[in-house]
Amino acid sequence: MEHELLDSFVVQTPEQGMALMNPLRAEILSHLREPASAAQVAKAMNEQPQRINYHLKTLEKVGLVRRVGTRHVRNLVEVLYQAIARTFILSDELGWDSETVRKMKDQSSLMYLITASDRLKRDALRLMERSDEGKAEVPSISMQFHVYLTDEKHRAAFVREYAETMKKLAEKYQGSERTGTVAYRVLTAVYPEPDGE
């Protein structure tokens, strides 16, 4: 039985939010976009299977991962788990103080950035293969530039204007899926330059 993996899931219960506060659990979720056992995740993360299994139980209990099958390894039967979504977004209705929510939202945004970059890489490789095979022209565009912001107020103003501009573009060109249209994926990101790079 196939299980649908959501692109994003809004975390609305304190139990789910608390589970995500542990960085190790957030990393475990990133390894469960495809079904995997505790042993497989532990190997990928260079951790002890028992430790991963403990956190998997917690994530399953709050509904962020689910059991999707089993696999036989020698004389053992391993349970396969999968995350319910690729990314997790914290709701403002959790009732936590604004500073806690802000910090967790920052981590959630970075996790989404990693997911988006993984998707971009996969899609680009597939399109390059299609181009090499001469199946079709592959029009695309990419941009990269720096902006320099003086303080938090300046940053917030830029992010707000950036989001509003992207929303207007999306509303203008989004249209609807119908015969004769071609779907284009648009990925945008804003993040601080890592120190020393």
N, C-alpha and C. Protein backbone atom coordinates (compact mmCIF):
# COMPACT_ATOMS: atom_id res chain seq x y z
N MET A 1 0.84 -1.20 0.00
CA MET A 1 0.00 0.00 0.00
C MET A 1 0.87 1.25 0.00
N GLU A 2 0.63 2.16 -0.97
CA GLU A 2 1.42 3.37 -1.06
C GLU A 2 0.85 4.44 -0.14
N HIS A 3 1.72 5.22 0.46
CA HIS A 3 1.30 6.30 1.35
C HIS A 3 1.74 7.61 0.74
N GLU A 4 0.80 8.56 0.67
CA GLU A 4 1.11 9.86 0.09
C GLU A 4 2.02 10.65 1.01
N LEU A 5 3.08 11.20 0.45
CA LEU A 5 4.00 12.05 1.20
C LEU A 5 3.67 13.50 0.88
N LEU A 6 3.18 14.21 1.87
CA LEU A 6 2.82 15.61 1.67
C LEU A 6 4.05 16.46 1.45
N ASP A 7 3.92 17.54 0.68
CA ASP A 7 5.03 18.48 0.52
C ASP A 7 5.30 19.21 1.83
N SER A 8 4.24 19.57 2.54
CA SER A 8 4.39 20.26 3.81
C SER A 8 3.24 19.90 4.74
N PHE A 9 3.50 20.01 6.03
CA PHE A 9 2.49 19.70 7.05
C PHE A 9 2.57 20.77 8.13
N VAL A 10 1.42 21.36 8.48
CA VAL A 10 1.39 22.41 9.49
C VAL A 10 1.27 21.77 10.87
N VAL A 11 2.27 21.99 11.70
CA VAL A 11 2.30 21.44 13.06
C VAL A 11 1.43 22.32 13.96
N GLN A 12 0.35 21.75 14.52
CA GLN A 12 -0.59 22.54 15.28
C GLN A 12 -0.74 22.10 16.73
N THR A 13 -0.18 20.94 17.10
CA THR A 13 -0.33 20.49 18.48
C THR A 13 1.00 20.68 19.23
N PRO A 14 0.93 21.01 20.52
CA PRO A 14 2.15 21.19 21.31
C PRO A 14 3.01 19.93 21.33
N GLU A 15 2.37 18.74 21.32
CA GLU A 15 3.12 17.49 21.36
C GLU A 15 3.98 17.34 20.11
N GLN A 16 3.43 17.67 18.95
CA GLN A 16 4.20 17.59 17.71
C GLN A 16 5.31 18.64 17.70
N GLY A 17 4.99 19.84 18.18
CA GLY A 17 5.99 20.90 18.23
C GLY A 17 7.15 20.54 19.15
N MET A 18 6.84 19.98 20.31
CA MET A 18 7.89 19.58 21.24
C MET A 18 8.77 18.48 20.65
N ALA A 19 8.16 17.57 19.92
CA ALA A 19 8.92 16.48 19.29
C ALA A 19 9.93 17.05 18.30
N LEU A 20 9.54 18.10 17.59
CA LEU A 20 10.42 18.70 16.58
C LEU A 20 11.51 19.57 17.18
N MET A 21 11.38 19.93 18.47
CA MET A 21 12.40 20.78 19.09
C MET A 21 13.73 20.06 19.22
N ASN A 22 13.70 18.72 19.18
CA ASN A 22 14.93 17.94 19.26
C ASN A 22 15.58 17.91 17.87
N PRO A 23 16.78 18.47 17.72
CA PRO A 23 17.43 18.51 16.40
C PRO A 23 17.64 17.13 15.79
N LEU A 24 17.88 16.12 16.62
CA LEU A 24 18.10 14.78 16.10
C LEU A 24 16.83 14.25 15.42
N ARG A 25 15.67 14.54 16.02
CA ARG A 25 14.42 14.09 15.41
C ARG A 25 14.16 14.78 14.08
N ALA A 26 14.51 16.07 14.01
CA ALA A 26 14.35 16.80 12.75
C ALA A 26 15.23 16.17 11.67
N GLU A 27 16.44 15.75 12.05
CA GLU A 27 17.33 15.11 11.09
C GLU A 27 16.80 13.74 10.69
N ILE A 28 16.24 13.01 11.65
CA ILE A 28 15.64 11.70 11.34
C ILE A 28 14.55 11.86 10.29
N LEU A 29 13.70 12.88 10.47
CA LEU A 29 12.62 13.12 9.51
C LEU A 29 13.15 13.37 8.11
N SER A 30 14.30 14.04 8.02
CA SER A 30 14.87 14.32 6.70
C SER A 30 15.33 13.05 6.00
N HIS A 31 15.58 11.98 6.77
CA HIS A 31 15.99 10.71 6.19
C HIS A 31 14.80 9.79 5.91
N LEU A 32 13.61 10.25 6.21
CA LEU A 32 12.43 9.39 6.06
C LEU A 32 11.47 9.89 4.99
N ARG A 33 12.00 10.57 3.99
CA ARG A 33 11.15 10.95 2.86
C ARG A 33 10.85 9.72 2.01
N GLU A 34 11.71 8.72 2.15
CA GLU A 34 11.48 7.39 1.57
C GLU A 34 11.43 6.40 2.73
N PRO A 35 10.67 5.31 2.60
CA PRO A 35 10.59 4.33 3.70
C PRO A 35 11.96 3.81 4.10
N ALA A 36 12.19 3.71 5.41
CA ALA A 36 13.47 3.22 5.92
C ALA A 36 13.27 2.66 7.32
N SER A 37 14.14 1.75 7.69
CA SER A 37 14.09 1.17 9.03
C SER A 37 14.97 1.98 9.97
N ALA A 38 14.84 1.70 11.26
CA ALA A 38 15.69 2.38 12.24
C ALA A 38 17.16 2.10 11.95
N ALA A 39 17.46 0.87 11.55
CA ALA A 39 18.85 0.50 11.27
C ALA A 39 19.39 1.28 10.07
N GLN A 40 18.56 1.46 9.04
CA GLN A 40 19.00 2.19 7.86
C GLN A 40 19.24 3.67 8.18
N VAL A 41 18.34 4.25 8.96
CA VAL A 41 18.50 5.65 9.34
C VAL A 41 19.74 5.81 10.22
N ALA A 42 19.92 4.87 11.15
CA ALA A 42 21.08 4.93 12.06
C ALA A 42 22.39 4.87 11.27
N LYS A 43 22.44 4.02 10.26
CA LYS A 43 23.64 3.91 9.43
C LYS A 43 23.91 5.21 8.68
N ALA A 44 22.85 5.80 8.13
CA ALA A 44 23.00 7.05 7.37
C ALA A 44 23.45 8.20 8.27
N MET A 45 23.05 8.15 9.55
CA MET A 45 23.37 9.23 10.47
C MET A 45 24.55 8.90 11.39
N ASN A 46 25.11 7.71 11.22
CA ASN A 46 26.22 7.26 12.08
C ASN A 46 25.82 7.30 13.56
N GLU A 47 24.63 6.76 13.84
CA GLU A 47 24.11 6.71 15.20
C GLU A 47 23.81 5.26 15.58
N GLN A 48 23.53 5.03 16.87
CA GLN A 48 23.15 3.71 17.33
C GLN A 48 21.69 3.44 16.97
N PRO A 49 21.38 2.25 16.42
CA PRO A 49 20.00 1.93 16.04
C PRO A 49 19.01 2.07 17.20
N GLN A 50 19.46 1.70 18.42
CA GLN A 50 18.57 1.79 19.57
C GLN A 50 18.15 3.24 19.83
N ARG A 51 19.10 4.17 19.65
CA ARG A 51 18.79 5.58 19.88
C ARG A 51 17.81 6.09 18.83
N ILE A 52 18.03 5.71 17.58
CA ILE A 52 17.13 6.12 16.50
C ILE A 52 15.75 5.52 16.70
N ASN A 53 15.71 4.27 17.10
CA ASN A 53 14.43 3.60 17.32
C ASN A 53 13.62 4.31 18.40
N TYR A 54 14.29 4.76 19.45
CA TYR A 54 13.61 5.48 20.54
C TYR A 54 12.94 6.75 20.00
N HIS A 55 13.67 7.51 19.20
CA HIS A 55 13.12 8.75 18.67
C HIS A 55 12.05 8.48 17.61
N LEU A 56 12.19 7.40 16.87
CA LEU A 56 11.15 7.03 15.91
C LEU A 56 9.83 6.74 16.61
N LYS A 57 9.90 6.08 17.75
CA LYS A 57 8.69 5.78 18.53
C LYS A 57 8.00 7.08 18.94
N THR A 58 8.81 8.07 19.34
CA THR A 58 8.24 9.36 19.75
C THR A 58 7.59 10.05 18.56
N LEU A 59 8.26 10.05 17.43
CA LEU A 59 7.71 10.69 16.23
C LEU A 59 6.44 9.99 15.76
N GLU A 60 6.43 8.67 15.89
CA GLU A 60 5.23 7.92 15.49
C GLU A 60 4.07 8.22 16.44
N LYS A 61 4.37 8.32 17.72
CA LYS A 61 3.33 8.57 18.73
C LYS A 61 2.60 9.88 18.49
N VAL A 62 3.33 10.90 18.04
CA VAL A 62 2.70 12.21 17.81
C VAL A 62 2.22 12.37 16.37
N GLY A 63 2.38 11.33 15.56
CA GLY A 63 1.81 11.34 14.21
C GLY A 63 2.64 12.00 13.14
N LEU A 64 3.96 12.15 13.35
CA LEU A 64 4.81 12.76 12.33
C LEU A 64 5.47 11.74 11.42
N VAL A 65 5.53 10.47 11.86
CA VAL A 65 5.95 9.37 11.00
C VAL A 65 4.93 8.24 11.14
N ARG A 66 4.93 7.33 10.18
CA ARG A 66 4.02 6.19 10.24
C ARG A 66 4.71 4.94 9.73
N ARG A 67 4.22 3.81 10.17
CA ARG A 67 4.73 2.54 9.69
C ARG A 67 4.15 2.26 8.31
N VAL A 68 5.02 1.90 7.38
CA VAL A 68 4.56 1.69 6.00
C VAL A 68 4.88 0.29 5.47
N GLY A 69 5.51 -0.55 6.30
CA GLY A 69 5.82 -1.89 5.84
C GLY A 69 6.91 -2.53 6.67
N THR A 70 7.45 -3.62 6.16
CA THR A 70 8.55 -4.33 6.82
C THR A 70 9.55 -4.80 5.78
N ARG A 71 10.73 -5.17 6.24
CA ARG A 71 11.72 -5.79 5.37
C ARG A 71 12.44 -6.87 6.18
N HIS A 72 12.84 -7.93 5.49
CA HIS A 72 13.51 -9.05 6.14
C HIS A 72 15.02 -8.90 5.96
N VAL A 73 15.73 -8.93 7.08
CA VAL A 73 17.19 -8.86 7.07
C VAL A 73 17.70 -10.05 7.88
N ARG A 74 18.30 -10.99 7.18
CA ARG A 74 18.71 -12.25 7.80
C ARG A 74 17.50 -12.88 8.49
N ASN A 75 17.57 -13.07 9.81
CA ASN A 75 16.44 -13.69 10.51
C ASN A 75 15.56 -12.66 11.21
N LEU A 76 15.77 -11.37 10.89
CA LEU A 76 15.02 -10.31 11.56
C LEU A 76 14.01 -9.67 10.60
N VAL A 77 12.95 -9.16 11.19
CA VAL A 77 11.97 -8.39 10.44
C VAL A 77 12.04 -6.95 10.94
N GLU A 78 12.45 -6.04 10.06
CA GLU A 78 12.58 -4.64 10.44
C GLU A 78 11.35 -3.84 9.99
N VAL A 79 10.87 -2.98 10.86
CA VAL A 79 9.74 -2.12 10.53
C VAL A 79 10.23 -0.94 9.69
N LEU A 80 9.51 -0.62 8.64
CA LEU A 80 9.84 0.53 7.80
C LEU A 80 8.95 1.71 8.18
N TYR A 81 9.58 2.86 8.35
CA TYR A 81 8.86 4.08 8.70
C TYR A 81 9.00 5.10 7.56
N GLN A 82 8.04 6.03 7.52
CA GLN A 82 8.15 7.14 6.57
C GLN A 82 7.54 8.38 7.19
N ALA A 83 8.17 9.53 6.94
CA ALA A 83 7.62 10.80 7.42
C ALA A 83 6.30 11.08 6.70
N ILE A 84 5.42 11.83 7.33
CA ILE A 84 4.14 12.14 6.69
C ILE A 84 4.29 13.29 5.70
N ALA A 85 5.41 14.03 5.76
CA ALA A 85 5.61 15.18 4.86
C ALA A 85 7.10 15.43 4.65
N ARG A 86 7.41 16.16 3.60
CA ARG A 86 8.81 16.52 3.33
C ARG A 86 9.28 17.63 4.28
N THR A 87 8.39 18.56 4.59
CA THR A 87 8.75 19.67 5.47
C THR A 87 7.63 19.90 6.47
N PHE A 88 7.99 20.54 7.60
CA PHE A 88 7.04 20.78 8.66
C PHE A 88 7.05 22.26 9.01
N ILE A 89 5.85 22.86 9.07
CA ILE A 89 5.70 24.29 9.31
C ILE A 89 5.00 24.49 10.65
N LEU A 90 5.56 25.32 11.49
CA LEU A 90 4.98 25.57 12.81
C LEU A 90 3.83 26.57 12.73
N SER A 91 2.70 26.20 13.31
CA SER A 91 1.54 27.09 13.34
C SER A 91 1.70 28.15 14.42
N ASP A 92 1.15 29.34 14.16
CA ASP A 92 1.15 30.41 15.17
C ASP A 92 0.20 30.10 16.32
N GLU A 93 -0.64 29.08 16.14
CA GLU A 93 -1.65 28.75 17.14
C GLU A 93 -1.14 27.78 18.22
N LEU A 94 0.17 27.51 18.23
CA LEU A 94 0.71 26.58 19.22
C LEU A 94 0.64 27.13 20.64
N GLY A 95 0.54 28.45 20.77
CA GLY A 95 0.43 29.04 22.09
C GLY A 95 1.76 29.26 22.79
N TRP A 96 2.87 29.11 22.07
CA TRP A 96 4.19 29.33 22.67
C TRP A 96 4.55 30.80 22.59
N ASP A 97 5.56 31.19 23.38
CA ASP A 97 6.01 32.57 23.31
C ASP A 97 6.64 32.84 21.95
N SER A 98 6.60 34.08 21.54
CA SER A 98 7.01 34.46 20.18
C SER A 98 8.46 34.11 19.88
N GLU A 99 9.35 34.21 20.88
CA GLU A 99 10.77 33.92 20.66
C GLU A 99 10.99 32.45 20.35
N THR A 100 10.29 31.56 21.08
CA THR A 100 10.41 30.12 20.83
C THR A 100 9.91 29.77 19.45
N VAL A 101 8.75 30.32 19.10
CA VAL A 101 8.17 30.04 17.78
C VAL A 101 9.09 30.57 16.68
N ARG A 102 9.66 31.77 16.90
CA ARG A 102 10.55 32.36 15.88
C ARG A 102 11.75 31.46 15.63
N LYS A 103 12.38 30.98 16.72
CA LYS A 103 13.56 30.12 16.57
C LYS A 103 13.21 28.82 15.85
N MET A 104 12.08 28.23 16.19
CA MET A 104 11.69 26.98 15.56
C MET A 104 11.31 27.19 14.10
N LYS A 105 10.68 28.34 13.82
CA LYS A 105 10.35 28.64 12.43
C LYS A 105 11.61 28.82 11.60
N ASP A 106 12.64 29.43 12.19
CA ASP A 106 13.92 29.58 11.49
C ASP A 106 14.47 28.21 11.11
N GLN A 107 14.45 27.26 12.07
CA GLN A 107 14.95 25.92 11.80
C GLN A 107 14.10 25.22 10.75
N SER A 108 12.77 25.41 10.84
CA SER A 108 11.87 24.80 9.86
C SER A 108 12.13 25.35 8.46
N SER A 109 12.39 26.66 8.37
CA SER A 109 12.67 27.28 7.07
C SER A 109 13.95 26.74 6.47
N LEU A 110 14.97 26.55 7.32
CA LEU A 110 16.24 26.00 6.83
C LEU A 110 16.06 24.57 6.34
N MET A 111 15.24 23.80 7.07
CA MET A 111 14.97 22.43 6.65
C MET A 111 14.26 22.41 5.29
N TYR A 112 13.31 23.35 5.11
CA TYR A 112 12.63 23.44 3.82
C TYR A 112 13.61 23.82 2.72
N LEU A 113 14.55 24.71 3.03
CA LEU A 113 15.56 25.12 2.06
C LEU A 113 16.37 23.92 1.59
N ILE A 114 16.74 23.05 2.53
CA ILE A 114 17.49 21.84 2.18
C ILE A 114 16.65 20.95 1.27
N THR A 115 15.38 20.78 1.62
CA THR A 115 14.48 19.95 0.81
C THR A 115 14.33 20.53 -0.59
N ALA A 116 14.15 21.85 -0.66
CA ALA A 116 13.97 22.50 -1.96
C ALA A 116 15.21 22.36 -2.82
N SER A 117 16.40 22.49 -2.21
CA SER A 117 17.63 22.36 -2.99
C SER A 117 17.82 20.93 -3.48
N ASP A 118 17.40 19.96 -2.66
CA ASP A 118 17.46 18.56 -3.11
C ASP A 118 16.56 18.34 -4.31
N ARG A 119 15.35 18.90 -4.23
CA ARG A 119 14.40 18.76 -5.35
C ARG A 119 14.94 19.44 -6.60
N LEU A 120 15.51 20.65 -6.43
CA LEU A 120 16.07 21.38 -7.57
C LEU A 120 17.16 20.56 -8.25
N LYS A 121 18.03 19.94 -7.45
CA LYS A 121 19.11 19.14 -8.01
C LYS A 121 18.56 17.95 -8.80
N ARG A 122 17.57 17.24 -8.21
CA ARG A 122 16.98 16.09 -8.89
C ARG A 122 16.31 16.50 -10.20
N ASP A 123 15.53 17.59 -10.14
CA ASP A 123 14.83 18.04 -11.34
C ASP A 123 15.82 18.48 -12.42
N ALA A 124 16.88 19.20 -12.03
CA ALA A 124 17.86 19.67 -13.01
C ALA A 124 18.56 18.50 -13.69
N LEU A 125 18.90 17.46 -12.94
CA LEU A 125 19.55 16.30 -13.52
C LEU A 125 18.63 15.60 -14.51
N ARG A 126 17.35 15.48 -14.16
CA ARG A 126 16.39 14.84 -15.06
C ARG A 126 16.23 15.65 -16.34
N LEU A 127 16.18 16.98 -16.20
CA LEU A 127 16.03 17.84 -17.38
C LEU A 127 17.28 17.80 -18.25
N MET A 128 18.46 17.71 -17.64
CA MET A 128 19.70 17.59 -18.42
C MET A 128 19.72 16.29 -19.21
N GLU A 129 19.24 15.22 -18.59
CA GLU A 129 19.17 13.94 -19.30
C GLU A 129 18.22 14.04 -20.49
N ARG A 130 17.09 14.71 -20.28
CA ARG A 130 16.12 14.87 -21.37
C ARG A 130 16.72 15.70 -22.50
N SER A 131 17.49 16.75 -22.12
CA SER A 131 18.12 17.59 -23.12
C SER A 131 19.18 16.81 -23.89
N ASP A 132 19.99 16.00 -23.19
CA ASP A 132 21.03 15.20 -23.83
C ASP A 132 20.43 14.20 -24.81
N GLU A 133 19.23 13.71 -24.49
CA GLU A 133 18.57 12.74 -25.36
C GLU A 133 17.88 13.41 -26.54
N GLY A 134 17.90 14.75 -26.54
CA GLY A 134 17.31 15.49 -27.64
C GLY A 134 15.80 15.43 -27.69
N LYS A 135 15.17 15.14 -26.53
CA LYS A 135 13.72 14.99 -26.52
C LYS A 135 12.99 16.34 -26.61
N ALA A 136 13.56 17.35 -26.00
CA ALA A 136 12.87 18.64 -26.00
C ALA A 136 13.80 19.74 -25.54
N GLU A 137 13.47 20.97 -25.97
CA GLU A 137 14.19 22.13 -25.46
C GLU A 137 13.81 22.33 -24.00
N VAL A 138 14.78 22.71 -23.19
CA VAL A 138 14.52 22.88 -21.76
C VAL A 138 14.84 24.33 -21.36
N PRO A 139 13.88 25.26 -21.53
CA PRO A 139 14.12 26.65 -21.13
C PRO A 139 14.12 26.79 -19.61
N SER A 140 15.09 27.51 -19.08
CA SER A 140 15.16 27.72 -17.64
C SER A 140 15.94 29.00 -17.37
N ILE A 141 15.83 29.50 -16.16
CA ILE A 141 16.56 30.70 -15.77
C ILE A 141 16.91 30.58 -14.29
N SER A 142 18.07 31.09 -13.93
CA SER A 142 18.46 31.12 -12.52
C SER A 142 19.14 32.45 -12.23
N MET A 143 18.99 32.91 -11.01
CA MET A 143 19.59 34.18 -10.59
C MET A 143 20.21 34.01 -9.21
N GLN A 144 21.29 34.73 -8.98
CA GLN A 144 21.91 34.74 -7.66
C GLN A 144 22.52 36.11 -7.43
N PHE A 145 22.22 36.71 -6.30
CA PHE A 145 22.78 38.02 -5.99
C PHE A 145 22.74 38.23 -4.49
N HIS A 146 23.43 39.26 -4.02
CA HIS A 146 23.48 39.60 -2.60
C HIS A 146 22.72 40.89 -2.35
N VAL A 147 22.09 40.96 -1.19
CA VAL A 147 21.56 42.23 -0.69
C VAL A 147 22.19 42.45 0.68
N TYR A 148 22.36 43.70 1.06
CA TYR A 148 23.02 44.02 2.32
C TYR A 148 22.04 44.77 3.22
N LEU A 149 21.70 44.17 4.36
CA LEU A 149 20.68 44.69 5.25
C LEU A 149 21.31 45.12 6.57
N THR A 150 20.90 46.27 7.06
CA THR A 150 21.58 46.87 8.20
C THR A 150 21.14 46.32 9.56
N ASP A 151 19.85 45.99 9.71
CA ASP A 151 19.37 45.52 11.01
C ASP A 151 18.11 44.69 10.82
N GLU A 152 17.52 44.26 11.95
CA GLU A 152 16.34 43.40 11.91
C GLU A 152 15.16 44.08 11.22
N LYS A 153 14.98 45.35 11.48
CA LYS A 153 13.88 46.10 10.87
C LYS A 153 14.05 46.16 9.35
N HIS A 154 15.28 46.43 8.92
CA HIS A 154 15.60 46.49 7.50
C HIS A 154 15.37 45.12 6.84
N ARG A 155 15.81 44.05 7.55
CA ARG A 155 15.63 42.68 7.04
C ARG A 155 14.15 42.34 6.89
N ALA A 156 13.36 42.68 7.92
CA ALA A 156 11.93 42.38 7.89
C ALA A 156 11.24 43.12 6.74
N ALA A 157 11.65 44.36 6.49
CA ALA A 157 11.06 45.13 5.40
C ALA A 157 11.39 44.50 4.05
N PHE A 158 12.65 44.05 3.90
CA PHE A 158 13.04 43.41 2.64
C PHE A 158 12.26 42.12 2.42
N VAL A 159 12.19 41.28 3.46
CA VAL A 159 11.49 40.00 3.34
C VAL A 159 10.02 40.21 3.00
N ARG A 160 9.41 41.21 3.65
CA ARG A 160 7.99 41.51 3.39
C ARG A 160 7.79 41.93 1.93
N GLU A 161 8.65 42.84 1.43
CA GLU A 161 8.51 43.31 0.05
C GLU A 161 8.82 42.18 -0.93
N TYR A 162 9.81 41.37 -0.60
CA TYR A 162 10.18 40.22 -1.43
C TYR A 162 9.00 39.25 -1.56
N ALA A 163 8.37 38.93 -0.42
CA ALA A 163 7.24 38.00 -0.42
C ALA A 163 6.05 38.58 -1.20
N GLU A 164 5.79 39.87 -1.03
CA GLU A 164 4.68 40.51 -1.73
C GLU A 164 4.91 40.52 -3.24
N THR A 165 6.16 40.77 -3.65
CA THR A 165 6.49 40.78 -5.08
C THR A 165 6.31 39.39 -5.69
N MET A 166 6.79 38.37 -5.01
CA MET A 166 6.66 37.01 -5.52
C MET A 166 5.19 36.59 -5.58
N LYS A 167 4.41 37.02 -4.59
CA LYS A 167 2.98 36.70 -4.59
C LYS A 167 2.28 37.33 -5.79
N LYS A 168 2.61 38.60 -6.09
CA LYS A 168 2.00 39.27 -7.24
C LYS A 168 2.37 38.57 -8.55
N LEU A 169 3.64 38.16 -8.67
CA LEU A 169 4.05 37.44 -9.88
C LEU A 169 3.31 36.12 -10.02
N ALA A 170 3.19 35.41 -8.90
CA ALA A 170 2.50 34.12 -8.93
C ALA A 170 1.03 34.30 -9.33
N GLU A 171 0.38 35.32 -8.75
CA GLU A 171 -1.03 35.56 -9.07
C GLU A 171 -1.21 35.97 -10.53
N LYS A 172 -0.23 36.69 -11.08
CA LYS A 172 -0.33 37.16 -12.46
C LYS A 172 -0.16 36.03 -13.46
N TYR A 173 0.77 35.10 -13.17
CA TYR A 173 1.10 34.07 -14.15
C TYR A 173 0.66 32.66 -13.76
N GLN A 174 0.11 32.49 -12.57
CA GLN A 174 -0.19 31.14 -12.10
C GLN A 174 -1.21 30.44 -12.98
N GLY A 175 -2.32 31.11 -13.29
CA GLY A 175 -3.32 30.52 -14.15
C GLY A 175 -3.85 29.22 -13.57
N SER A 176 -4.11 28.27 -14.45
CA SER A 176 -4.61 26.97 -14.01
C SER A 176 -4.10 25.89 -14.95
N GLU A 177 -4.12 24.65 -14.46
CA GLU A 177 -3.67 23.52 -15.27
C GLU A 177 -4.73 23.19 -16.30
N ARG A 178 -4.37 23.33 -17.56
CA ARG A 178 -5.32 23.01 -18.63
C ARG A 178 -4.55 22.62 -19.88
N THR A 179 -5.25 22.09 -20.87
CA THR A 179 -4.61 21.66 -22.11
C THR A 179 -3.88 22.82 -22.77
N GLY A 180 -2.64 22.56 -23.17
CA GLY A 180 -1.86 23.59 -23.86
C GLY A 180 -0.95 24.38 -22.95
N THR A 181 -1.07 24.21 -21.64
CA THR A 181 -0.19 24.92 -20.72
C THR A 181 0.98 24.03 -20.32
N VAL A 182 2.09 24.67 -19.95
CA VAL A 182 3.28 23.95 -19.48
C VAL A 182 3.57 24.42 -18.06
N ALA A 183 3.68 23.48 -17.13
CA ALA A 183 3.95 23.82 -15.74
C ALA A 183 5.44 24.10 -15.53
N TYR A 184 5.75 25.21 -14.87
CA TYR A 184 7.12 25.55 -14.50
C TYR A 184 7.18 25.66 -12.98
N ARG A 185 8.20 25.05 -12.40
CA ARG A 185 8.38 25.15 -10.95
C ARG A 185 9.27 26.36 -10.64
N VAL A 186 8.86 27.16 -9.67
CA VAL A 186 9.62 28.34 -9.26
C VAL A 186 10.05 28.14 -7.81
N LEU A 187 11.35 28.19 -7.57
CA LEU A 187 11.90 28.07 -6.23
C LEU A 187 12.66 29.34 -5.89
N THR A 188 12.33 29.95 -4.77
CA THR A 188 13.05 31.16 -4.35
C THR A 188 13.51 30.98 -2.90
N ALA A 189 14.58 31.64 -2.55
CA ALA A 189 15.11 31.52 -1.19
C ALA A 189 15.89 32.78 -0.81
N VAL A 190 15.80 33.13 0.47
CA VAL A 190 16.60 34.23 1.02
C VAL A 190 17.17 33.73 2.35
N TYR A 191 18.49 33.82 2.50
CA TYR A 191 19.11 33.38 3.75
C TYR A 191 20.43 34.14 3.95
N PRO A 192 20.89 34.24 5.20
CA PRO A 192 22.13 35.00 5.46
C PRO A 192 23.35 34.24 4.94
N GLU A 193 24.31 34.99 4.46
CA GLU A 193 25.56 34.39 3.99
C GLU A 193 26.28 33.72 5.17
N PRO A 194 26.66 32.44 5.05
CA PRO A 194 27.40 31.79 6.15
C PRO A 194 28.71 32.53 6.42
N ASP A 195 29.10 32.62 7.67
CA ASP A 195 30.33 33.32 8.05
C ASP A 195 31.55 32.73 7.35
N GLY A 196 32.40 33.62 6.85
CA GLY A 196 33.66 33.18 6.26
C GLY A 196 33.56 32.68 4.84
N GLU A 197 32.41 32.85 4.19
CA GLU A 197 32.26 32.38 2.81
C GLU A 197 31.87 33.52 1.90
